[in-house]
């Protein structure tokens, strides 16, 4: 999911022959709803709408099982933490 224009998404999807849809997040609605909006950019800035980097674990029922988002772009959630928490969710 991205804030990019639908034409850009369609071209990228065709060029890369992706087997899944790319979704446009108009006005960063989903990024805001998940609470991962990068606040370094104000509305009107070309980068407004980008999320903090991270991972959302979406369970089979469509709910968010865990959210791993960190401010900035230099650091990412440690995969060991992600795998541990997801494994704990699967055992519940």
C-alpha atoms as a PDB file:
ATOM      1  CA  UNK A   1       0.000   0.000   0.000  1.00  0.00           C
ATOM      2  CA  UNK A   2       1.407   3.357  -0.986  1.00  0.00           C
ATOM      3  CA  UNK A   3       0.491   6.977  -1.450  1.00  0.00           C
ATOM      4  CA  UNK A   4       1.623   6.817  -5.099  1.00  0.00           C
ATOM      5  CA  UNK A   5      -0.790   7.613  -7.925  1.00  0.00           C
ATOM      6  CA  UNK A   6      -2.821   4.726  -9.346  1.00  0.00           C
ATOM      7  CA  UNK A   7      -1.146   5.117 -12.775  1.00  0.00           C
ATOM      8  CA  UNK A   8       2.291   4.642 -11.183  1.00  0.00           C
ATOM      9  CA  UNK A   9       1.065   1.591  -9.301  1.00  0.00           C
ATOM     10  CA  UNK A  10      -0.416   0.032 -12.445  1.00  0.00           C
ATOM     11  CA  UNK A  11       2.765   0.595 -14.442  1.00  0.00           C
ATOM     12  CA  UNK A  12       4.969  -0.831 -11.680  1.00  0.00           C
ATOM     13  CA  UNK A  13       2.712  -3.850 -11.221  1.00  0.00           C
ATOM     14  CA  UNK A  14       2.742  -4.608 -14.948  1.00  0.00           C
ATOM     15  CA  UNK A  15       6.492  -4.063 -15.259  1.00  0.00           C
ATOM     16  CA  UNK A  16       7.349  -6.339 -12.326  1.00  0.00           C
ATOM     17  CA  UNK A  17       4.637  -8.913 -13.146  1.00  0.00           C
ATOM     18  CA  UNK A  18       3.462  -8.976  -9.544  1.00  0.00           C
ATOM     19  CA  UNK A  19       0.994 -11.639  -8.538  1.00  0.00           C
ATOM     20  CA  UNK A  20      -0.753  -9.420  -5.993  1.00  0.00           C
ATOM     21  CA  UNK A  21      -2.504  -6.053  -6.056  1.00  0.00           C
ATOM     22  CA  UNK A  22      -0.884  -2.761  -5.110  1.00  0.00           C
ATOM     23  CA  UNK A  23      -3.194  -0.503  -3.146  1.00  0.00           C
ATOM     24  CA  UNK A  24      -3.310   3.279  -3.090  1.00  0.00           C
ATOM     25  CA  UNK A  25      -3.665   4.864   0.341  1.00  0.00           C
ATOM     26  CA  UNK A  26      -5.506   8.093  -0.477  1.00  0.00           C
ATOM     27  CA  UNK A  27      -4.682  10.888   1.995  1.00  0.00           C
ATOM     28  CA  UNK A  28      -2.701   8.366   4.102  1.00  0.00           C
ATOM     29  CA  UNK A  29      -5.965   7.152   5.647  1.00  0.00           C
ATOM     30  CA  UNK A  30      -4.695   3.641   6.355  1.00  0.00           C
ATOM     31  CA  UNK A  31      -1.268   4.770   7.517  1.00  0.00           C
ATOM     32  CA  UNK A  32      -2.982   7.107   9.988  1.00  0.00           C
ATOM     33  CA  UNK A  33      -5.433   4.414  11.117  1.00  0.00           C
ATOM     34  CA  UNK A  34      -2.567   2.022  11.884  1.00  0.00           C
ATOM     35  CA  UNK A  35      -0.774   4.791  13.775  1.00  0.00           C
ATOM     36  CA  UNK A  36       2.408   4.621  11.703  1.00  0.00           C
ATOM     37  CA  UNK A  37       2.375   7.987   9.888  1.00  0.00           C
ATOM     38  CA  UNK A  38       5.857   9.495   9.574  1.00  0.00           C
ATOM     39  CA  UNK A  39       5.346  12.954  11.074  1.00  0.00           C
ATOM     40  CA  UNK A  40       8.519  14.409   9.512  1.00  0.00           C
ATOM     41  CA  UNK A  41       6.418  15.571   6.541  1.00  0.00           C
ATOM     42  CA  UNK A  42       3.480  17.970   6.543  1.00  0.00           C
ATOM     43  CA  UNK A  43       0.410  17.664   4.280  1.00  0.00           C
ATOM     44  CA  UNK A  44       1.325  19.030   0.856  1.00  0.00           C
ATOM     45  CA  UNK A  45       4.917  17.735   0.990  1.00  0.00           C
ATOM     46  CA  UNK A  46       5.630  15.157  -1.730  1.00  0.00           C
ATOM     47  CA  UNK A  47       6.612  12.593   0.941  1.00  0.00           C
ATOM     48  CA  UNK A  48       3.541  13.159   3.121  1.00  0.00           C
ATOM     49  CA  UNK A  49       1.827   9.860   3.764  1.00  0.00           C
ATOM     50  CA  UNK A  50       4.864   7.651   4.103  1.00  0.00           C
ATOM     51  CA  UNK A  51       4.730   5.423   7.151  1.00  0.00           C
ATOM     52  CA  UNK A  52       7.373   4.823   9.741  1.00  0.00           C
ATOM     53  CA  UNK A  53       9.223   1.691   8.621  1.00  0.00           C
ATOM     54  CA  UNK A  54       8.022  -1.511  10.096  1.00  0.00           C
ATOM     55  CA  UNK A  55       5.934  -4.615   9.802  1.00  0.00           C
ATOM     56  CA  UNK A  56       2.245  -5.272  10.392  1.00  0.00           C
ATOM     57  CA  UNK A  57       1.300  -8.834  11.268  1.00  0.00           C
ATOM     58  CA  UNK A  58      -2.191  -9.358   9.863  1.00  0.00           C
ATOM     59  CA  UNK A  59      -3.863 -12.481  11.206  1.00  0.00           C
ATOM     60  CA  UNK A  60      -5.948 -14.817   9.063  1.00  0.00           C
ATOM     61  CA  UNK A  61      -9.141 -13.176  10.349  1.00  0.00           C
ATOM     62  CA  UNK A  62      -7.952  -9.788   9.022  1.00  0.00           C
ATOM     63  CA  UNK A  63      -7.139  -8.205  12.372  1.00  0.00           C
ATOM     64  CA  UNK A  64      -3.767  -6.731  13.298  1.00  0.00           C
ATOM     65  CA  UNK A  65      -1.980  -9.219  15.521  1.00  0.00           C
ATOM     66  CA  UNK A  66       1.105  -7.102  16.101  1.00  0.00           C
ATOM     67  CA  UNK A  67       2.636  -3.845  14.922  1.00  0.00           C
ATOM     68  CA  UNK A  68       6.340  -3.221  14.680  1.00  0.00           C
ATOM     69  CA  UNK A  69       6.963   0.369  13.559  1.00  0.00           C
ATOM     70  CA  UNK A  70       9.866   2.615  14.425  1.00  0.00           C
ATOM     71  CA  UNK A  71      10.354   6.320  13.724  1.00  0.00           C
ATOM     72  CA  UNK A  72      12.931   7.223  11.088  1.00  0.00           C
ATOM     73  CA  UNK A  73      14.317   5.000   8.388  1.00  0.00           C
ATOM     74  CA  UNK A  74      17.732   3.965   9.675  1.00  0.00           C
ATOM     75  CA  UNK A  75      16.519   1.309  12.097  1.00  0.00           C
ATOM     76  CA  UNK A  76      14.167  -1.593  11.591  1.00  0.00           C
ATOM     77  CA  UNK A  77      12.460  -3.857  14.093  1.00  0.00           C
ATOM     78  CA  UNK A  78      14.759  -6.813  14.890  1.00  0.00           C
ATOM     79  CA  UNK A  79      13.474  -9.891  13.047  1.00  0.00           C
ATOM     80  CA  UNK A  80      14.114 -12.021  16.133  1.00  0.00           C
ATOM     81  CA  UNK A  81      11.510  -9.953  18.017  1.00  0.00           C
ATOM     82  CA  UNK A  82       9.047 -10.149  15.120  1.00  0.00           C
ATOM     83  CA  UNK A  83       9.355 -13.947  14.788  1.00  0.00           C
ATOM     84  CA  UNK A  84       9.112 -14.458  18.559  1.00  0.00           C
ATOM     85  CA  UNK A  85       5.950 -12.376  18.919  1.00  0.00           C
ATOM     86  CA  UNK A  86       4.287 -13.905  15.860  1.00  0.00           C
ATOM     87  CA  UNK A  87       5.121 -17.395  17.162  1.00  0.00           C
ATOM     88  CA  UNK A  88       3.539 -16.498  20.510  1.00  0.00           C
ATOM     89  CA  UNK A  89       0.354 -15.373  18.705  1.00  0.00           C
ATOM     90  CA  UNK A  90       0.150 -18.644  16.796  1.00  0.00           C
ATOM     91  CA  UNK A  91       0.306 -20.696  19.979  1.00  0.00           C
ATOM     92  CA  UNK A  92      -2.606 -18.848  21.617  1.00  0.00           C
END
